[in-house]
Amino acid sequence: MIYELTIGGNTARSKTGQHPVKVDYDALPDASRDFLQRYGIKQYLADGMAGAANVAEAKAGVEARLAKLLSGDLARTRGEGKEAPDTVETRALKLVRAAIRATMKAKNVKANKETVNDAAAKVLADEAKGKAWRAKAKQQLDDEAKMADGLDLTDMLAGLAGATDEEETED
């Protein structure tokens, strides 16, 4: 089996460009094929831990990846379709970036993503400004948590569970 791969990126951060490579997997020695299989499985499962804030999240991420392997459903979406919960820091960063983009748009100024990210990091690094943005982020997260706690999803969840049961019995 021949694998045609492109190594390297095609973004502003990629300084070395892209390099096409062909690998004849069947021509590799057994030791190399075994290494690639172990490495690939380990890396794929380890990627499930990315962004985990604690042991439980890490374990859940790895188990979700293993379940995907076992099911054969390897469709990939950005972030594997799961959304990492916002922290005060990540929410503050999102708010600052949005404010910078809005200001730039209003002044008809263009900048790339990296420039916006750097500017946002500088704003948050400033003690007084960073504290204010983090307070705003914390307030938003607290408000969202209160709203979520007030939702009664019992009927909706029961309906979903019923639909799932019916679909499974039809097969």
Protein backbone atom coordinates (compact mmCIF):
# COMPACT_ATOMS: atom_id res chain seq x y z
CA MET A 1 0.00 0.00 0.00
CA ILE A 2 1.40 3.39 -1.02
CA TYR A 3 0.62 6.38 1.18
CA GLU A 4 0.92 9.79 -0.42
CA LEU A 5 1.35 12.35 2.35
CA THR A 6 2.01 16.06 2.58
CA ILE A 7 4.25 16.93 5.51
CA GLY A 8 4.25 20.51 6.78
CA GLY A 9 1.75 23.29 6.86
CA ASN A 10 0.52 25.99 4.55
CA THR A 11 -0.06 28.81 7.02
CA ALA A 12 1.73 31.95 8.15
CA ARG A 13 3.17 30.01 11.10
CA SER A 14 4.61 27.29 8.82
CA LYS A 15 8.09 28.47 8.01
CA THR A 16 9.29 25.36 6.16
CA GLY A 17 6.51 24.83 3.61
CA GLN A 18 4.94 21.61 2.48
CA HIS A 19 6.80 18.49 1.41
CA PRO A 20 5.09 15.63 -0.46
CA VAL A 21 6.24 12.13 0.48
CA LYS A 22 5.31 8.67 -0.79
CA VAL A 23 5.69 5.74 1.61
CA ASP A 24 5.43 2.15 0.43
CA TYR A 25 4.09 0.63 3.62
CA ASP A 26 4.46 -2.96 2.38
CA ALA A 27 8.17 -2.39 1.68
CA LEU A 28 8.86 -1.38 5.28
CA PRO A 29 10.41 -3.95 7.64
CA ASP A 30 8.07 -5.54 10.19
CA ALA A 31 9.71 -3.55 13.00
CA SER A 32 8.92 -0.27 11.22
CA ARG A 33 5.30 -1.24 10.51
CA ASP A 34 4.84 -2.33 14.14
CA PHE A 35 6.36 0.95 15.36
CA LEU A 36 4.06 3.03 13.12
CA GLN A 37 0.98 1.12 14.24
CA ARG A 38 1.79 1.48 17.93
CA TYR A 39 2.84 5.11 17.52
CA GLY A 40 -0.28 5.97 15.52
CA ILE A 41 -2.67 4.31 17.96
CA LYS A 42 -0.94 5.84 20.97
CA GLN A 43 -0.89 9.32 19.40
CA TYR A 44 -4.53 9.12 18.29
CA LEU A 45 -5.65 8.09 21.78
CA ALA A 46 -3.38 10.68 23.45
CA ASP A 47 -4.92 13.42 21.28
CA GLY A 48 -8.19 12.63 23.05
CA MET A 49 -6.64 14.05 26.23
CA ALA A 50 -5.78 17.38 24.61
CA GLY A 51 -7.17 20.28 26.56
CA ALA A 52 -8.32 18.15 29.49
CA ALA A 53 -8.42 20.08 32.75
CA ASN A 54 -8.36 17.04 35.02
CA VAL A 55 -7.91 13.27 35.16
CA ALA A 56 -11.61 12.54 34.57
CA GLU A 57 -11.72 14.68 31.39
CA ALA A 58 -8.51 13.08 30.14
CA LYS A 59 -9.86 9.58 30.73
CA ALA A 60 -13.16 10.44 29.02
CA GLY A 61 -11.31 11.85 26.02
CA VAL A 62 -9.18 8.74 25.60
CA GLU A 63 -12.21 6.46 26.03
CA ALA A 64 -14.15 8.47 23.42
CA ARG A 65 -11.28 8.04 20.96
CA LEU A 66 -11.11 4.30 21.67
CA ALA A 67 -14.87 4.03 21.10
CA LYS A 68 -14.44 5.74 17.71
CA LEU A 69 -11.75 3.24 16.75
CA LEU A 70 -13.90 0.30 17.83
CA SER A 71 -16.95 1.59 15.95
CA GLY A 72 -15.04 2.33 12.76
CA ASP A 73 -16.51 5.86 12.76
CA LEU A 74 -13.39 7.89 12.15
CA ALA A 75 -15.08 10.97 10.72
CA ARG A 76 -13.16 13.93 12.02
CA THR A 77 -14.53 17.32 12.82
CA ARG A 78 -12.62 20.25 14.17
CA GLY A 79 -11.99 19.50 17.83
CA GLU A 80 -13.51 16.06 17.33
CA GLY A 81 -16.94 17.64 17.61
CA LYS A 82 -16.65 18.19 21.32
CA GLU A 83 -16.54 21.62 22.77
CA ALA A 84 -14.13 22.24 25.58
CA PRO A 85 -15.77 24.12 28.43
CA ASP A 86 -14.79 27.76 28.70
CA THR A 87 -12.59 28.81 31.55
CA VAL A 88 -12.40 32.38 32.75
CA GLU A 89 -9.10 32.73 30.89
CA THR A 90 -10.33 31.32 27.57
CA ARG A 91 -13.54 33.35 27.74
CA ALA A 92 -11.60 36.53 28.53
CA LEU A 93 -9.36 35.86 25.55
CA LYS A 94 -12.41 35.38 23.29
CA LEU A 95 -13.92 38.63 24.54
CA VAL A 96 -10.73 40.61 24.01
CA ARG A 97 -10.25 39.17 20.52
CA ALA A 98 -13.83 40.06 19.60
CA ALA A 99 -13.37 43.60 20.90
CA ILE A 100 -10.13 44.00 18.95
CA ARG A 101 -11.74 42.69 15.75
CA ALA A 102 -14.75 44.98 16.18
CA THR A 103 -12.52 48.01 16.72
CA MET A 104 -10.39 47.09 13.72
CA LYS A 105 -13.48 46.63 11.54
CA ALA A 106 -14.89 49.98 12.64
CA LYS A 107 -11.59 51.66 11.73
CA ASN A 108 -11.23 49.65 8.51
CA VAL A 109 -7.95 48.14 9.69
CA LYS A 110 -6.91 44.67 8.55
CA ALA A 111 -4.71 42.25 10.48
CA ASN A 112 -4.10 38.53 10.47
CA LYS A 113 -5.21 36.12 13.18
CA GLU A 114 -1.75 35.97 14.72
CA THR A 115 -1.62 39.76 15.15
CA VAL A 116 -5.04 39.77 16.82
CA ASN A 117 -3.99 36.92 19.13
CA ASP A 118 -0.78 38.73 20.09
CA ALA A 119 -2.68 41.95 20.80
CA ALA A 120 -5.24 40.08 22.92
CA ALA A 121 -2.48 38.39 24.93
CA LYS A 122 -0.91 41.80 25.61
CA VAL A 123 -4.22 43.21 26.81
CA LEU A 124 -4.69 40.30 29.21
CA ALA A 125 -1.08 40.58 30.39
CA ASP A 126 -1.74 44.15 31.55
CA GLU A 127 -2.70 43.78 35.22
CA ALA A 128 -5.59 46.26 35.34
CA LYS A 129 -7.02 45.56 31.87
CA GLY A 130 -6.62 41.82 32.26
CA LYS A 131 -8.40 41.87 35.61
CA ALA A 132 -11.34 43.77 34.10
CA TRP A 133 -11.66 41.39 31.13
CA ARG A 134 -11.44 38.34 33.42
CA ALA A 135 -14.15 39.78 35.67
CA LYS A 136 -16.40 40.27 32.64
CA ALA A 137 -15.65 36.71 31.48
CA LYS A 138 -16.40 35.28 34.94
CA GLN A 139 -19.70 37.15 35.05
CA GLN A 140 -20.72 35.76 31.66
CA LEU A 141 -19.83 32.21 32.67
CA ASP A 142 -21.71 32.56 35.96
CA ASP A 143 -24.77 33.93 34.14
CA GLU A 144 -24.69 31.06 31.63
CA ALA A 145 -24.39 28.50 34.43
CA LYS A 146 -27.42 29.99 36.19
CA MET A 147 -29.43 29.88 32.97
CA ALA A 148 -28.44 26.25 32.35
CA ASP A 149 -29.35 25.27 35.91
CA GLY A 150 -32.82 26.73 35.36
CA LEU A 151 -33.57 24.65 32.26
CA ASP A 152 -35.85 21.66 32.62
CA LEU A 153 -34.84 19.26 29.87
CA THR A 154 -36.73 16.24 31.17
CA ASP A 155 -39.33 16.16 28.37
CA MET A 156 -36.78 16.77 25.64
CA LEU A 157 -34.42 14.09 26.94
CA ALA A 158 -37.26 11.61 27.32
CA GLY A 159 -38.26 12.30 23.71
CA LEU A 160 -34.73 11.75 22.51
CA ALA A 161 -34.39 8.55 24.49
CA GLY A 162 -37.67 7.31 23.05
CA ALA A 163 -36.57 8.11 19.49
CA THR A 164 -33.31 6.28 20.03
CA ASP A 165 -35.08 3.21 21.42
CA GLU A 166 -37.48 3.12 18.47
CA GLU A 167 -34.68 3.48 15.94
CA GLU A 168 -32.74 0.63 17.52
CA THR A 169 -35.71 -1.75 17.52
CA GLU A 170 -36.44 -1.10 13.83
CA ASP A 171 -33.10 -2.60 12.74
